[in-house]
PDB file of N, CA and C in Angstrom:
ATOM      1  N   MET A   1     241.323-106.226 174.155  1.00  0.00           N
ATOM      2  CA  MET A   1     240.954-104.890 174.408  1.00  0.00           C
ATOM      3  C   MET A   1     241.568-104.622 175.516  1.00  0.00           C
ATOM      4  N   ASP A   2     242.080-103.345 175.622  1.00  0.00           N
ATOM      5  CA  ASP A   2     242.885-102.841 176.614  1.00  0.00           C
ATOM      6  C   ASP A   2     242.253-101.703 177.127  1.00  0.00           C
ATOM      7  N   THR A   3     241.197-101.768 177.981  1.00  0.00           N
ATOM      8  CA  THR A   3     240.143-100.718 178.639  1.00  0.00           C
ATOM      9  C   THR A   3     240.955 -99.760 179.530  1.00  0.00           C
ATOM     10  N   LYS A   4     242.536-100.119 179.966  1.00  0.00           N
ATOM     11  CA  LYS A   4     243.070 -99.195 180.656  1.00  0.00           C
ATOM     12  C   LYS A   4     244.096 -98.206 179.986  1.00  0.00           C
ATOM     13  N   SER A   5     244.199 -98.522 178.663  1.00  0.00           N
ATOM     14  CA  SER A   5     244.930 -97.495 177.952  1.00  0.00           C
ATOM     15  C   SER A   5     244.314 -96.331 177.978  1.00  0.00           C
ATOM     16  N   PRO A   6     245.241 -95.211 177.819  1.00  0.00           N
ATOM     17  CA  PRO A   6     244.745 -93.754 178.039  1.00  0.00           C
ATOM     18  C   PRO A   6     243.667 -93.489 176.898  1.00  0.00           C
ATOM     19  N   GLU A   7     242.731 -92.923 177.250  1.00  0.00           N
ATOM     20  CA  GLU A   7     241.493 -92.620 176.599  1.00  0.00           C
ATOM     21  C   GLU A   7     240.636 -93.541 175.844  1.00  0.00           C
ATOM     22  N   TYR A   8     241.118 -94.704 176.119  1.00  0.00           N
ATOM     23  CA  TYR A   8     240.128 -95.848 175.669  1.00  0.00           C
ATOM     24  C   TYR A   8     238.645 -95.845 175.732  1.00  0.00           C
ATOM     25  N   LEU A   9     238.447 -95.208 176.830  1.00  0.00           N
ATOM     26  CA  LEU A   9     236.747 -95.189 177.125  1.00  0.00           C
ATOM     27  C   LEU A   9     236.221 -94.081 176.322  1.00  0.00           C
ATOM     28  N   ARG A  10     237.228 -92.990 176.474  1.00  0.00           N
ATOM     29  CA  ARG A  10     236.336 -91.765 175.779  1.00  0.00           C
ATOM     30  C   ARG A  10     236.485 -92.200 174.122  1.00  0.00           C
ATOM     31  N   LYS A  11     237.297 -92.379 173.501  1.00  0.00           N
ATOM     32  CA  LYS A  11     237.382 -92.868 172.017  1.00  0.00           C
ATOM     33  C   LYS A  11     236.429 -93.961 172.031  1.00  0.00           C
ATOM     34  N   HIS A  12     235.953 -95.006 172.936  1.00  0.00           N
ATOM     35  CA  HIS A  12     234.772 -96.174 172.108  1.00  0.00           C
ATOM     36  C   HIS A  12     233.198 -95.846 172.820  1.00  0.00           C
ATOM     37  N   PHE A  13     233.070 -94.929 173.978  1.00  0.00           N
ATOM     38  CA  PHE A  13     231.706 -94.942 174.473  1.00  0.00           C
ATOM     39  C   PHE A  13     231.649 -93.436 174.736  1.00  0.00           C
ATOM     40  N   GLU A  14     230.096 -93.262 175.534  1.00  0.00           N
ATOM     41  CA  GLU A  14     229.886 -92.131 175.577  1.00  0.00           C
ATOM     42  C   GLU A  14     229.917 -91.987 176.925  1.00  0.00           C
ATOM     43  N   LEU A  15     230.906 -91.032 177.138  1.00  0.00           N
ATOM     44  CA  LEU A  15     231.208 -90.820 178.954  1.00  0.00           C
ATOM     45  C   LEU A  15     230.241 -89.964 179.596  1.00  0.00           C
ATOM     46  N   ASP A  16     229.669 -88.697 179.029  1.00  0.00           N
ATOM     47  CA  ASP A  16     229.189 -87.488 179.831  1.00  0.00           C
ATOM     48  C   ASP A  16     228.027 -87.287 178.878  1.00  0.00           C
ATOM     49  N   TYR A  17     227.150 -87.910 178.798  1.00  0.00           N
ATOM     50  CA  TYR A  17     225.991 -87.955 177.665  1.00  0.00           C
ATOM     51  C   TYR A  17     225.060 -86.828 178.049  1.00  0.00           C
ATOM     52  N   TRP A  18     225.021 -86.478 179.242  1.00  0.00           N
ATOM     53  CA  TRP A  18     224.012 -85.227 179.589  1.00  0.00           C
ATOM     54  C   TRP A  18     224.911 -83.995 179.657  1.00  0.00           C
ATOM     55  N   GLY A  19     226.279 -84.099 179.574  1.00  0.00           N
ATOM     56  CA  GLY A  19     227.103 -83.086 179.891  1.00  0.00           C
ATOM     57  C   GLY A  19     227.259 -82.476 181.182  1.00  0.00           C
ATOM     58  N   THR A  20     226.956 -83.179 182.144  1.00  0.00           N
ATOM     59  CA  THR A  20     227.167 -82.560 183.755  1.00  0.00           C
ATOM     60  C   THR A  20     228.218 -82.173 183.920  1.00  0.00           C
ATOM     61  N   SER A  21     229.247 -82.566 183.225  1.00  0.00           N
ATOM     62  CA  SER A  21     230.764 -81.803 183.583  1.00  0.00           C
ATOM     63  C   SER A  21     230.989 -80.605 183.110  1.00  0.00           C
ATOM     64  N   TYR A  22     230.163 -79.789 182.363  1.00  0.00           N
ATOM     65  CA  TYR A  22     230.128 -78.620 182.120  1.00  0.00           C
ATOM     66  C   TYR A  22     230.133 -77.533 183.007  1.00  0.00           C
ATOM     67  N   LYS A  23     229.112 -77.824 184.148  1.00  0.00           N
ATOM     68  CA  LYS A  23     228.788 -77.204 185.266  1.00  0.00           C
ATOM     69  C   LYS A  23     230.207 -76.948 185.903  1.00  0.00           C
ATOM     70  N   GLN A  24     230.988 -77.960 186.085  1.00  0.00           N
ATOM     71  CA  GLN A  24     232.252 -77.895 186.810  1.00  0.00           C
ATOM     72  C   GLN A  24     233.182 -77.130 186.006  1.00  0.00           C
ATOM     73  N   SER A  25     233.132 -77.047 184.859  1.00  0.00           N
ATOM     74  CA  SER A  25     233.889 -76.433 183.859  1.00  0.00           C
ATOM     75  C   SER A  25     233.584 -74.962 183.938  1.00  0.00           C
ATOM     76  N   LEU A  26     232.584 -74.466 183.984  1.00  0.00           N
ATOM     77  CA  LEU A  26     232.211 -73.424 184.040  1.00  0.00           C
ATOM     78  C   LEU A  26     232.517 -72.562 185.479  1.00  0.00           C
ATOM     79  N   GLU A  27     232.047 -73.411 186.440  1.00  0.00           N
ATOM     80  CA  GLU A  27     232.745 -72.856 187.852  1.00  0.00           C
ATOM     81  C   GLU A  27     233.909 -72.657 188.124  1.00  0.00           C
ATOM     82  N   TYR A  28     234.850 -73.502 187.265  1.00  0.00           N
ATOM     83  CA  TYR A  28     236.413 -73.450 187.421  1.00  0.00           C
ATOM     84  C   TYR A  28     236.937 -71.894 186.717  1.00  0.00           C
ATOM     85  N   ILE A  29     236.029 -71.949 185.354  1.00  0.00           N
ATOM     86  CA  ILE A  29     236.623 -70.632 184.780  1.00  0.00           C
ATOM     87  C   ILE A  29     236.188 -69.414 185.553  1.00  0.00           C
ATOM     88  N   LEU A  30     234.899 -69.354 186.146  1.00  0.00           N
ATOM     89  CA  LEU A  30     234.459 -68.285 187.036  1.00  0.00           C
ATOM     90  C   LEU A  30     235.255 -67.933 188.125  1.00  0.00           C
ATOM     91  N   LYS A  31     235.919 -68.964 188.743  1.00  0.00           N
ATOM     92  CA  LYS A  31     237.111 -68.911 189.633  1.00  0.00           C
ATOM     93  C   LYS A  31     238.162 -68.428 189.286  1.00  0.00           C
ATOM     94  N   TYR A  32     238.772 -68.583 188.295  1.00  0.00           N
ATOM     95  CA  TYR A  32     239.984 -68.114 187.791  1.00  0.00           C
ATOM     96  C   TYR A  32     239.930 -66.908 186.681  1.00  0.00           C
ATOM     97  N   ASP A  33     238.620 -66.651 186.179  1.00  0.00           N
ATOM     98  CA  ASP A  33     238.560 -65.807 185.337  1.00  0.00           C
ATOM     99  C   ASP A  33     237.939 -64.489 185.908  1.00  0.00           C
ATOM    100  N   HIS A  34     238.728 -63.448 186.294  1.00  0.00           N
ATOM    101  CA  HIS A  34     237.662 -62.411 186.998  1.00  0.00           C
ATOM    102  C   HIS A  34     236.973 -61.534 186.110  1.00  0.00           C
ATOM    103  N   SER A  35     236.948 -61.654 184.931  1.00  0.00           N
ATOM    104  CA  SER A  35     236.601 -60.575 184.051  1.00  0.00           C
ATOM    105  C   SER A  35     234.914 -60.464 184.400  1.00  0.00           C
ATOM    106  N   PRO A  36     234.599 -59.392 184.034  1.00  0.00           N
ATOM    107  CA  PRO A  36     233.209 -59.298 184.324  1.00  0.00           C
ATOM    108  C   PRO A  36     232.468 -59.995 183.139  1.00  0.00           C
ATOM    109  N   SER A  37     232.774 -59.971 182.030  1.00  0.00           N
ATOM    110  CA  SER A  37     232.169 -60.772 180.791  1.00  0.00           C
ATOM    111  C   SER A  37     233.019 -61.795 180.178  1.00  0.00           C
ATOM    112  N   ILE A  38     232.693 -63.189 180.286  1.00  0.00           N
ATOM    113  CA  ILE A  38     233.692 -63.952 179.835  1.00  0.00           C
ATOM    114  C   ILE A  38     232.807 -64.954 178.361  1.00  0.00           C
ATOM    115  N   ASN A  39     233.608 -64.789 177.389  1.00  0.00           N
ATOM    116  CA  ASN A  39     233.280 -65.500 176.200  1.00  0.00           C
ATOM    117  C   ASN A  39     233.491 -66.852 176.198  1.00  0.00           C
ATOM    118  N   VAL A  40     232.539 -67.675 175.883  1.00  0.00           N
ATOM    119  CA  VAL A  40     232.731 -69.037 176.176  1.00  0.00           C
ATOM    120  C   VAL A  40     231.953 -69.807 175.036  1.00  0.00           C
ATOM    121  N   SER A  41     232.656 -70.803 174.227  1.00  0.00           N
ATOM    122  CA  SER A  41     231.832 -71.521 173.274  1.00  0.00           C
ATOM    123  C   SER A  41     231.932 -73.129 173.534  1.00  0.00           C
ATOM    124  N   MET A  42     230.801 -73.676 173.490  1.00  0.00           N
ATOM    125  CA  MET A  42     230.653 -75.145 174.137  1.00  0.00           C
ATOM    126  C   MET A  42     230.353 -76.282 172.736  1.00  0.00           C
ATOM    127  N   GLN A  43     231.162 -77.259 173.069  1.00  0.00           N
ATOM    128  CA  GLN A  43     230.848 -78.207 171.723  1.00  0.00           C
ATOM    129  C   GLN A  43     229.407 -78.557 171.487  1.00  0.00           C
ATOM    130  N   ASN A  44     228.696 -78.743 172.428  1.00  0.00           N
ATOM    131  CA  ASN A  44     227.014 -79.006 172.356  1.00  0.00           C
ATOM    132  C   ASN A  44     226.252 -78.571 173.353  1.00  0.00           C
ATOM    133  N   SER A  45     225.025 -78.508 173.057  1.00  0.00           N
ATOM    134  CA  SER A  45     224.049 -77.941 173.746  1.00  0.00           C
ATOM    135  C   SER A  45     223.956 -78.303 175.427  1.00  0.00           C
ATOM    136  N   PRO A  46     224.300 -79.369 175.823  1.00  0.00           N
ATOM    137  CA  PRO A  46     224.146 -79.590 177.334  1.00  0.00           C
ATOM    138  C   PRO A  46     225.216 -78.890 177.719  1.00  0.00           C
ATOM    139  N   GLY A  47     226.162 -78.030 177.418  1.00  0.00           N
ATOM    140  CA  GLY A  47     227.206 -77.282 177.870  1.00  0.00           C
ATOM    141  C   GLY A  47     226.233 -75.819 178.412  1.00  0.00           C
ATOM    142  N   GLU A  48     225.599 -75.656 177.261  1.00  0.00           N
ATOM    143  CA  GLU A  48     224.590 -74.372 177.512  1.00  0.00           C
ATOM    144  C   GLU A  48     223.761 -74.346 178.664  1.00  0.00           C
ATOM    145  N   ASP A  49     223.092 -75.536 178.637  1.00  0.00           N
ATOM    146  CA  ASP A  49     222.212 -75.832 179.566  1.00  0.00           C
ATOM    147  C   ASP A  49     222.538 -75.882 181.025  1.00  0.00           C
ATOM    148  N   ASN A  50     223.739 -76.118 181.317  1.00  0.00           N
ATOM    149  CA  ASN A  50     224.490 -76.095 182.458  1.00  0.00           C
ATOM    150  C   ASN A  50     224.844 -74.666 183.120  1.00  0.00           C
ATOM    151  N   ARG A  51     224.756 -73.959 182.223  1.00  0.00           N
ATOM    152  CA  ARG A  51     224.657 -72.372 182.849  1.00  0.00           C
ATOM    153  C   ARG A  51     223.618 -71.925 183.671  1.00  0.00           C
ATOM    154  N   LYS A  52     222.447 -72.583 183.561  1.00  0.00           N
ATOM    155  CA  LYS A  52     221.247 -72.460 184.124  1.00  0.00           C
ATOM    156  C   LYS A  52     221.123 -72.737 185.624  1.00  0.00           C
ATOM    157  N   ILE A  53     222.257 -73.504 185.808  1.00  0.00           N
ATOM    158  CA  ILE A  53     222.311 -74.096 187.072  1.00  0.00           C
ATOM    159  C   ILE A  53     223.279 -73.129 187.974  1.00  0.00           C
ATOM    160  N   LEU A  54     224.162 -72.188 187.759  1.00  0.00           N
ATOM    161  CA  LEU A  54     224.666 -71.177 187.980  1.00  0.00           C
ATOM    162  C   LEU A  54     223.808 -70.193 188.921  1.00  0.00           C
ATOM    163  N   THR A  55     224.446 -69.586 189.793  1.00  0.00           N
ATOM    164  CA  THR A  55     223.649 -68.351 190.216  1.00  0.00           C
ATOM    165  C   THR A  55     223.371 -67.322 189.155  1.00  0.00           C
ATOM    166  N   PHE A  56     222.722 -66.562 189.554  1.00  0.00           N
ATOM    167  CA  PHE A  56     222.174 -65.585 188.606  1.00  0.00           C
ATOM    168  C   PHE A  56     223.536 -64.643 188.409  1.00  0.00           C
ATOM    169  N   LYS A  57     224.182 -64.058 189.193  1.00  0.00           N
ATOM    170  CA  LYS A  57     225.612 -63.228 189.376  1.00  0.00           C
ATOM    171  C   LYS A  57     226.691 -63.885 188.180  1.00  0.00           C
ATOM    172  N   GLU A  58     226.414 -65.480 188.333  1.00  0.00           N
ATOM    173  CA  GLU A  58     227.413 -66.263 187.505  1.00  0.00           C
ATOM    174  C   GLU A  58     227.072 -66.441 186.290  1.00  0.00           C
ATOM    175  N   ARG A  59     225.793 -66.549 185.933  1.00  0.00           N
ATOM    176  CA  ARG A  59     225.201 -66.701 184.694  1.00  0.00           C
ATOM    177  C   ARG A  59     225.441 -65.216 183.702  1.00  0.00           C
ATOM    178  N   LYS A  60     225.363 -64.241 184.413  1.00  0.00           N
ATOM    179  CA  LYS A  60     225.316 -62.823 183.571  1.00  0.00           C
ATOM    180  C   LYS A  60     226.660 -62.572 182.960  1.00  0.00           C
ATOM    181  N   ARG A  61     227.955 -63.279 183.780  1.00  0.00           N
ATOM    182  CA  ARG A  61     229.247 -63.450 183.497  1.00  0.00           C
ATOM    183  C   ARG A  61     229.469 -64.087 182.086  1.00  0.00           C
ATOM    184  N   ILE A  62     228.819 -65.091 182.146  1.00  0.00           N
ATOM    185  CA  ILE A  62     229.104 -66.060 180.987  1.00  0.00           C
ATOM    186  C   ILE A  62     228.059 -65.638 179.838  1.00  0.00           C
ATOM    187  N   LYS A  63     229.145 -65.547 178.677  1.00  0.00           N
ATOM    188  CA  LYS A  63     228.217 -65.132 177.415  1.00  0.00           C
ATOM    189  C   LYS A  63     228.826 -66.444 176.311  1.00  0.00           C
ATOM    190  N   PHE A  64     227.725 -66.817 175.781  1.00  0.00           N
ATOM    191  CA  PHE A  64     227.915 -68.007 174.802  1.00  0.00           C
ATOM    192  C   PHE A  64     228.064 -67.308 173.166  1.00  0.00           C
ATOM    193  N   VAL A  65     229.497 -67.497 172.859  1.00  0.00           N
ATOM    194  CA  VAL A  65     229.798 -66.928 171.504  1.00  0.00           C
ATOM    195  C   VAL A  65     230.378 -68.161 170.557  1.00  0.00           C
ATOM    196  N   LYS A  66     230.277 -67.836 169.270  1.00  0.00           N
ATOM    197  CA  LYS A  66     231.139 -68.776 168.315  1.00  0.00           C
ATOM    198  C   LYS A  66     232.335 -69.224 168.416  1.00  0.00           C
ATOM    199  N   ARG A  67     232.974 -70.249 168.393  1.00  0.00           N
ATOM    200  CA  ARG A  67     234.367 -70.829 168.809  1.00  0.00           C
ATOM    201  C   ARG A  67     235.379 -69.659 168.385  1.00  0.00           C
ATOM    202  N   GLN A  68     234.916 -69.134 167.251  1.00  0.00           N
ATOM    203  CA  GLN A  68     236.202 -68.097 166.899  1.00  0.00           C
ATOM    204  C   GLN A  68     236.290 -67.007 167.741  1.00  0.00           C
ATOM    205  N   LYS A  69     235.319 -66.595 168.385  1.00  0.00           N
ATOM    206  CA  LYS A  69     235.210 -65.471 169.345  1.00  0.00           C
ATOM    207  C   LYS A  69     235.530 -66.000 170.826  1.00  0.00           C
ATOM    208  N   ALA A  70     235.385 -66.841 170.852  1.00  0.00           N
ATOM    209  CA  ALA A  70     235.597 -67.353 172.531  1.00  0.00           C
ATOM    210  C   ALA A  70     236.833 -67.258 172.971  1.00  0.00           C
ATOM    211  N   THR A  71     236.875 -66.869 174.428  1.00  0.00           N
ATOM    212  CA  THR A  71     238.338 -66.903 175.317  1.00  0.00           C
ATOM    213  C   THR A  71     238.284 -68.247 175.607  1.00  0.00           C
ATOM    214  N   TYR A  72     237.406 -69.113 175.827  1.00  0.00           N
ATOM    215  CA  TYR A  72     237.384 -70.431 176.199  1.00  0.00           C
ATOM    216  C   TYR A  72     236.455 -71.234 175.332  1.00  0.00           C
ATOM    217  N   PHE A  73     237.002 -72.384 174.987  1.00  0.00           N
ATOM    218  CA  PHE A  73     236.122 -73.282 174.379  1.00  0.00           C
ATOM    219  C   PHE A  73     235.845 -74.665 175.165  1.00  0.00           C
ATOM    220  N   ILE A  74     235.012 -75.188 175.697  1.00  0.00           N
ATOM    221  CA  ILE A  74     234.784 -76.125 176.518  1.00  0.00           C
ATOM    222  C   ILE A  74     234.390 -77.411 175.770  1.00  0.00           C
ATOM    223  N   THR A  75     234.692 -78.732 175.603  1.00  0.00           N
ATOM    224  CA  THR A  75     234.165 -79.838 175.299  1.00  0.00           C
ATOM    225  C   THR A  75     234.137 -80.900 176.187  1.00  0.00           C
ATOM    226  N   ASN A  76     233.326 -81.955 175.876  1.00  0.00           N
ATOM    227  CA  ASN A  76     233.104 -83.186 176.807  1.00  0.00           C
ATOM    228  C   ASN A  76     233.188 -84.301 175.847  1.00  0.00           C
ATOM    229  N   TYR A  77     233.524 -84.149 174.501  1.00  0.00           N
ATOM    230  CA  TYR A  77     234.128 -85.190 173.530  1.00  0.00           C
ATOM    231  C   TYR A  77     232.837 -85.991 172.859  1.00  0.00           C
ATOM    232  N   ARG A  78     231.745 -85.622 173.582  1.00  0.00           N
ATOM    233  CA  ARG A  78     230.432 -86.204 173.008  1.00  0.00           C
ATOM    234  C   ARG A  78     230.318 -86.028 171.440  1.00  0.00           C
ATOM    235  N   GLY A  79     230.159 -86.893 170.683  1.00  0.00           N
ATOM    236  CA  GLY A  79     230.059 -86.848 169.428  1.00  0.00           C
ATOM    237  C   GLY A  79     231.367 -86.394 168.886  1.00  0.00           C
ATOM    238  N   HIS A  80     232.313 -86.288 169.457  1.00  0.00           N
ATOM    239  CA  HIS A  80     233.818 -85.933 168.800  1.00  0.00           C
ATOM    240  C   HIS A  80     234.896 -86.339 169.676  1.00  0.00           C
ATOM    241  N   PRO A  81     235.022 -87.759 169.647  1.00  0.00           N
ATOM    242  CA  PRO A  81     235.816 -88.417 170.795  1.00  0.00           C
ATOM    243  C   PRO A  81     237.394 -88.096 170.367  1.00  0.00           C
ATOM    244  N   GLN A  82     237.729 -87.585 169.215  1.00  0.00           N
ATOM    245  CA  GLN A  82     238.997 -87.586 168.732  1.00  0.00           C
ATOM    246  C   GLN A  82     239.562 -86.188 169.581  1.00  0.00           C
ATOM    247  N   ASP A  83     241.019 -86.154 169.683  1.00  0.00           N
ATOM    248  CA  ASP A  83     241.527 -85.037 170.380  1.00  0.00           C
ATOM    249  C   ASP A  83     241.294 -83.544 169.061  1.00  0.00           C
ATOM    250  N   TYR A  84     241.497 -82.611 169.881  1.00  0.00           N
ATOM    251  CA  TYR A  84     241.669 -81.339 169.261  1.00  0.00           C
ATOM    252  C   TYR A  84     242.693 -80.861 168.787  1.00  0.00           C
ATOM    253  N   VAL A  85     243.355 -81.694 167.915  1.00  0.00           N
ATOM    254  CA  VAL A  85     244.891 -81.301 167.535  1.00  0.00           C
ATOM    255  C   VAL A  85     244.940 -80.074 167.545  1.00  0.00           C
ATOM    256  N   ASP A  86     244.213 -79.097 166.767  1.00  0.00           N
ATOM    257  CA  ASP A  86     244.409 -77.687 166.655  1.00  0.00           C
ATOM    258  C   ASP A  86     244.444 -76.814 167.797  1.00  0.00           C
ATOM    259  N   LEU A  87     244.221 -77.310 169.016  1.00  0.00           N
ATOM    260  CA  LEU A  87     243.720 -76.526 169.954  1.00  0.00           C
ATOM    261  C   LEU A  87     245.056 -77.150 171.128  1.00  0.00           C
ATOM    262  N   LYS A  88     245.716 -78.131 171.021  1.00  0.00           N
ATOM    263  CA  LYS A  88     245.906 -78.989 172.026  1.00  0.00           C
ATOM    264  C   LYS A  88     247.308 -78.068 172.627  1.00  0.00           C
ATOM    265  N   GLN A  89     248.086 -76.843 171.895  1.00  0.00           N
ATOM    266  CA  GLN A  89     248.835 -76.089 172.481  1.00  0.00           C
ATOM    267  C   GLN A  89     248.097 -74.966 173.275  1.00  0.00           C
ATOM    268  N   MET A  90     246.649 -74.718 173.552  1.00  0.00           N
ATOM    269  CA  MET A  90     246.329 -73.882 174.022  1.00  0.00           C
ATOM    270  C   MET A  90     245.382 -74.571 175.021  1.00  0.00           C
ATOM    271  N   GLU A  91     245.608 -75.746 175.347  1.00  0.00           N
ATOM    272  CA  GLU A  91     244.778 -76.636 176.657  1.00  0.00           C
ATOM    273  C   GLU A  91     245.054 -75.804 177.992  1.00  0.00           C
ATOM    274  N   TRP A  92     244.168 -75.268 178.584  1.00  0.00           N
ATOM    275  CA  TRP A  92     244.128 -74.915 179.880  1.00  0.00           C
ATOM    276  C   TRP A  92     243.838 -75.590 181.154  1.00  0.00           C
ATOM    277  N   HIS A  93     242.953 -76.398 180.881  1.00  0.00           N
ATOM    278  CA  HIS A  93     242.621 -77.337 182.102  1.00  0.00           C
ATOM    279  C   HIS A  93     241.757 -78.445 181.568  1.00  0.00           C
ATOM    280  N   SER A  94     241.994 -79.716 182.187  1.00  0.00           N
ATOM    281  CA  SER A  94     241.144 -80.874 181.759  1.00  0.00           C
ATOM    282  C   SER A  94     240.736 -81.497 183.162  1.00  0.00           C
ATOM    283  N   ILE A  95     239.607 -82.119 182.967  1.00  0.00           N
ATOM    284  CA  ILE A  95     239.131 -83.197 183.847  1.00  0.00           C
ATOM    285  C   ILE A  95     239.363 -84.595 183.619  1.00  0.00           C
ATOM    286  N   LYS A  96     240.149 -85.391 184.231  1.00  0.00           N
ATOM    287  CA  LYS A  96     240.297 -86.825 184.006  1.00  0.00           C
ATOM    288  C   LYS A  96     239.491 -87.620 185.097  1.00  0.00           C
ATOM    289  N   VAL A  97     239.141 -88.492 184.549  1.00  0.00           N
ATOM    290  CA  VAL A  97     238.745 -89.775 185.760  1.00  0.00           C
ATOM    291  C   VAL A  97     239.373 -90.857 185.143  1.00  0.00           C
ATOM    292  N   GLY A  98     239.949 -91.854 185.931  1.00  0.00           N
ATOM    293  CA  GLY A  98     240.637 -92.679 185.651  1.00  0.00           C
ATOM    294  C   GLY A  98     241.856 -92.500 184.538  1.00  0.00           C
ATOM    295  N   ASN A  99     241.788 -93.234 183.401  1.00  0.00           N
ATOM    296  CA  ASN A  99     242.658 -92.816 182.442  1.00  0.00           C
ATOM    297  C   ASN A  99     241.968 -91.932 181.206  1.00  0.00           C
ATOM    298  N   ASN A 100     240.933 -91.423 181.505  1.00  0.00           N
ATOM    299  CA  ASN A 100     240.249 -90.710 180.330  1.00  0.00           C
ATOM    300  C   ASN A 100     239.718 -89.240 180.650  1.00  0.00           C
ATOM    301  N   THR A 101     239.960 -88.750 179.844  1.00  0.00           N
ATOM    302  CA  THR A 101     239.751 -87.048 179.632  1.00  0.00           C
ATOM    303  C   THR A 101     237.886 -86.895 179.498  1.00  0.00           C
ATOM    304  N   TYR A 102     237.422 -86.418 180.721  1.00  0.00           N
ATOM    305  CA  TYR A 102     236.183 -85.941 180.549  1.00  0.00           C
ATOM    306  C   TYR A 102     235.700 -84.737 179.906  1.00  0.00           C
ATOM    307  N   GLN A 103     236.710 -83.880 179.954  1.00  0.00           N
ATOM    308  CA  GLN A 103     236.529 -82.538 179.638  1.00  0.00           C
ATOM    309  C   GLN A 103     237.658 -81.721 179.500  1.00  0.00           C
ATOM    310  N   HIS A 104     237.670 -80.697 178.622  1.00  0.00           N
ATOM    311  CA  HIS A 104     238.658 -79.930 178.293  1.00  0.00           C
ATOM    312  C   HIS A 104     238.405 -78.303 178.410  1.00  0.00           C
ATOM    313  N   TYR A 105     239.287 -77.535 178.941  1.00  0.00           N
ATOM    314  CA  TYR A 105     239.167 -76.297 178.416  1.00  0.00           C
ATOM    315  C   TYR A 105     240.302 -75.778 177.680  1.00  0.00           C
ATOM    316  N   PHE A 106     239.922 -75.024 176.718  1.00  0.00           N
ATOM    317  CA  PHE A 106     241.075 -74.395 175.941  1.00  0.00           C
ATOM    318  C   PHE A 106     240.669 -72.632 175.681  1.00  0.00           C
TER     319      PHE A 106
END
């Protein structure tokens, strides 16, 4: 078992069970996308819960929509540790810790 191989931990263990990295993702999007309204789709419900931590002004800009209508799709790979092959060419940003991806934005 080579725990240092790329993405080993992501593919074998829960990394971000509570979805706390979603806040960091939302803040990053808000910083670089200056649109008054931003359509975002989350892989799971902890992502939506993290919007509550943002300021009122930031929360107003984030609109949760289905993945097909989203400008950004954010995943923490919880319950779906595989790569999103269909979205790989649209990868915009990711959060990596060690050799493992904790968060992706498409």
